[in-house]
C-alpha atoms as a PDB file:
ATOM      1  CA  MET A   1       5.676 -15.687   1.557  1.00  0.00           C
ATOM      2  CA  ASP A   2       8.247 -14.540  -1.009  1.00  0.00           C
ATOM      3  CA  PHE A   3      10.922 -12.108   0.133  1.00  0.00           C
ATOM      4  CA  GLU A   4       9.571  -9.257  -2.011  1.00  0.00           C
ATOM      5  CA  GLU A   5       6.157  -9.772  -0.415  1.00  0.00           C
ATOM      6  CA  GLU A   6       7.735  -9.638   3.025  1.00  0.00           C
ATOM      7  CA  VAL A   7       9.446  -6.362   2.100  1.00  0.00           C
ATOM      8  CA  TYR A   8       6.207  -4.936   0.666  1.00  0.00           C
ATOM      9  CA  TYR A   9       4.106  -5.907   3.672  1.00  0.00           C
ATOM     10  CA  SER A  10       6.793  -4.614   6.040  1.00  0.00           C
ATOM     11  CA  LEU A  11       6.799  -1.277   4.199  1.00  0.00           C
ATOM     12  CA  SER A  12       3.006  -1.209   4.395  1.00  0.00           C
ATOM     13  CA  GLY A  13       2.915  -1.914   8.130  1.00  0.00           C
ATOM     14  CA  MET A  14       0.889  -5.073   7.560  1.00  0.00           C
ATOM     15  CA  LEU A  15       3.139  -7.597   9.328  1.00  0.00           C
ATOM     16  CA  ILE A  16       3.135  -8.435  13.024  1.00  0.00           C
ATOM     17  CA  ASP A  17       6.833  -9.310  12.756  1.00  0.00           C
ATOM     18  CA  PRO A  18       8.207  -7.058   9.973  1.00  0.00           C
ATOM     19  CA  LEU A  19      11.716  -7.181   8.588  1.00  0.00           C
ATOM     20  CA  ASP A  20      14.130  -5.284  10.832  1.00  0.00           C
ATOM     21  CA  ASP A  21      15.785  -3.203   8.125  1.00  0.00           C
ATOM     22  CA  VAL A  22      12.565  -2.181   6.351  1.00  0.00           C
ATOM     23  CA  GLU A  23      10.868   1.084   7.275  1.00  0.00           C
ATOM     24  CA  ASN A  24       7.119   1.026   7.990  1.00  0.00           C
ATOM     25  CA  LEU A  25       5.901   3.854   5.761  1.00  0.00           C
ATOM     26  CA  PHE A  26       2.552   3.967   7.568  1.00  0.00           C
ATOM     27  CA  GLU A  27       3.791   4.759  11.077  1.00  0.00           C
ATOM     28  CA  ASP A  28       2.155   7.704  12.841  1.00  0.00           C
ATOM     29  CA  GLY A  29       3.329  11.009  11.442  1.00  0.00           C
ATOM     30  CA  LYS A  30       4.711   9.631   8.188  1.00  0.00           C
ATOM     31  CA  PRO A  31       3.324  10.865   4.841  1.00  0.00           C
ATOM     32  CA  CYS A  32       1.745   7.514   3.855  1.00  0.00           C
ATOM     33  CA  GLU A  33      -0.163   7.386   7.139  1.00  0.00           C
ATOM     34  CA  GLN A  34      -1.532  10.888   6.491  1.00  0.00           C
ATOM     35  CA  TRP A  35      -2.412  10.112   2.869  1.00  0.00           C
ATOM     36  CA  TYR A  36      -4.195   6.930   3.928  1.00  0.00           C
ATOM     37  CA  SER A  37      -6.119   8.872   6.565  1.00  0.00           C
ATOM     38  CA  ASP A  38      -7.079  11.498   3.951  1.00  0.00           C
ATOM     39  CA  MET A  39      -8.208   8.728   1.577  1.00  0.00           C
ATOM     40  CA  TYR A  40     -10.284   7.051   4.281  1.00  0.00           C
ATOM     41  CA  ASP A  41     -11.957  10.334   5.260  1.00  0.00           C
ATOM     42  CA  ALA A  42     -12.793  11.032   1.598  1.00  0.00           C
ATOM     43  CA  TYR A  43     -14.078   7.463   1.222  1.00  0.00           C
ATOM     44  CA  MET A  44     -16.434   7.921   4.167  1.00  0.00           C
ATOM     45  CA  ARG A  45     -17.716  11.226   2.714  1.00  0.00           C
ATOM     46  CA  VAL A  46     -18.384   9.526  -0.643  1.00  0.00           C
ATOM     47  CA  CYS A  47     -20.272   6.714   1.115  1.00  0.00           C
ATOM     48  CA  GLU A  48     -22.317   9.290   3.006  1.00  0.00           C
ATOM     49  CA  ARG A  49     -23.188  11.119  -0.229  1.00  0.00           C
ATOM     50  CA  LEU A  50     -24.147   7.788  -1.808  1.00  0.00           C
ATOM     51  CA  GLY A  51     -26.360   7.006   1.154  1.00  0.00           C
ATOM     52  CA  VAL A  52     -24.543   3.819   2.178  1.00  0.00           C
ATOM     53  CA  GLN A  53     -23.527   2.976   5.723  1.00  0.00           C
ATOM     54  CA  ASP A  54     -19.805   2.369   5.501  1.00  0.00           C
ATOM     55  CA  GLU A  55     -18.874   0.924   2.120  1.00  0.00           C
ATOM     56  CA  ASP A  56     -19.885   1.011  -1.512  1.00  0.00           C
ATOM     57  CA  ASP A  57     -19.104  -1.892  -3.841  1.00  0.00           C
ATOM     58  CA  ASP A  58     -17.892   0.292  -6.712  1.00  0.00           C
ATOM     59  CA  VAL A  59     -15.683   2.412  -4.469  1.00  0.00           C
ATOM     60  CA  GLU A  60     -14.292  -0.805  -2.936  1.00  0.00           C
ATOM     61  CA  ILE A  61     -13.473  -2.089  -6.443  1.00  0.00           C
ATOM     62  CA  ILE A  62     -11.677   1.159  -7.282  1.00  0.00           C
ATOM     63  CA  ILE A  63      -9.600   1.145  -4.106  1.00  0.00           C
ATOM     64  CA  SER A  64      -8.827  -2.583  -4.226  1.00  0.00           C
ATOM     65  CA  SER A  65      -7.817  -2.385  -7.884  1.00  0.00           C
ATOM     66  CA  LEU A  66      -5.504   0.557  -7.257  1.00  0.00           C
ATOM     67  CA  LEU A  67      -3.902  -1.267  -4.320  1.00  0.00           C
ATOM     68  CA  ARG A  68      -3.347  -4.379  -6.447  1.00  0.00           C
ATOM     69  CA  ILE A  69      -1.811  -2.243  -9.209  1.00  0.00           C
ATOM     70  CA  GLN A  70       0.469  -0.572  -6.667  1.00  0.00           C
ATOM     71  CA  GLU A  71       1.502  -3.942  -5.242  1.00  0.00           C
ATOM     72  CA  LYS A  72       2.322  -5.322  -8.702  1.00  0.00           C
ATOM     73  CA  ILE A  73       4.382  -2.224  -9.521  1.00  0.00           C
ATOM     74  CA  ALA A  74       6.207  -2.470  -6.169  1.00  0.00           C
ATOM     75  CA  TYR A  75       7.151  -6.116  -6.802  1.00  0.00           C
ATOM     76  CA  ARG A  76       8.330  -5.308 -10.313  1.00  0.00           C
ATOM     77  CA  MET A  77      10.370  -2.355  -9.037  1.00  0.00           C
ATOM     78  CA  TYR A  78      11.964  -4.663  -6.479  1.00  0.00           C
ATOM     79  CA  HIS A  79      12.952  -7.126  -9.198  1.00  0.00           C
ATOM     80  CA  TYR A  80      14.270  -4.385 -11.504  1.00  0.00           C
ATOM     81  CA  GLY A  81      16.221  -2.894  -8.595  1.00  0.00           C
ATOM     82  CA  ALA A  82      17.836  -6.269  -7.958  1.00  0.00           C
ATOM     83  CA  LEU A  83      18.513  -6.744 -11.681  1.00  0.00           C
ATOM     84  CA  PHE A  84      19.932  -3.304 -12.368  1.00  0.00           C
ATOM     85  CA  GLY A  85      21.694  -3.067  -9.019  1.00  0.00           C
ATOM     86  CA  SER A  86      23.798  -6.078  -9.929  1.00  0.00           C
ATOM     87  CA  LYS A  87      24.878  -4.650 -13.288  1.00  0.00           C
ATOM     88  CA  GLU A  88      27.862  -2.390 -13.724  1.00  0.00           C
ATOM     89  CA  LYS A  89      27.076   1.104 -14.894  1.00  0.00           C
END
C-alpha cells in the first residue's frame, strides 16, 4: 500500500492498524461519522421507496463512483500538498 493510501484509509477509519499521527474522521461524534450515518439512512429510505430489500444497483453505482472520485481527489491533494509544501512562498 502506498503511503498516501495509508493516510487516506487511516483518515477514513478503514485500517485495523492506522497511522498514529492521522486522525480517524469517522470516529463516533465526528462530523464525517454523522454525515455517513445520514447518507446510509437516506440510502435505506430510497431502497424502501424503490421496493428493494437493502441495495439498489444504480444507487450503489452512484455511491461507489462518488467515493472513487473523492479518493482520487484526496490522493491528488496529498501530492499537491507535498509539492507546494516544499516550495518557498
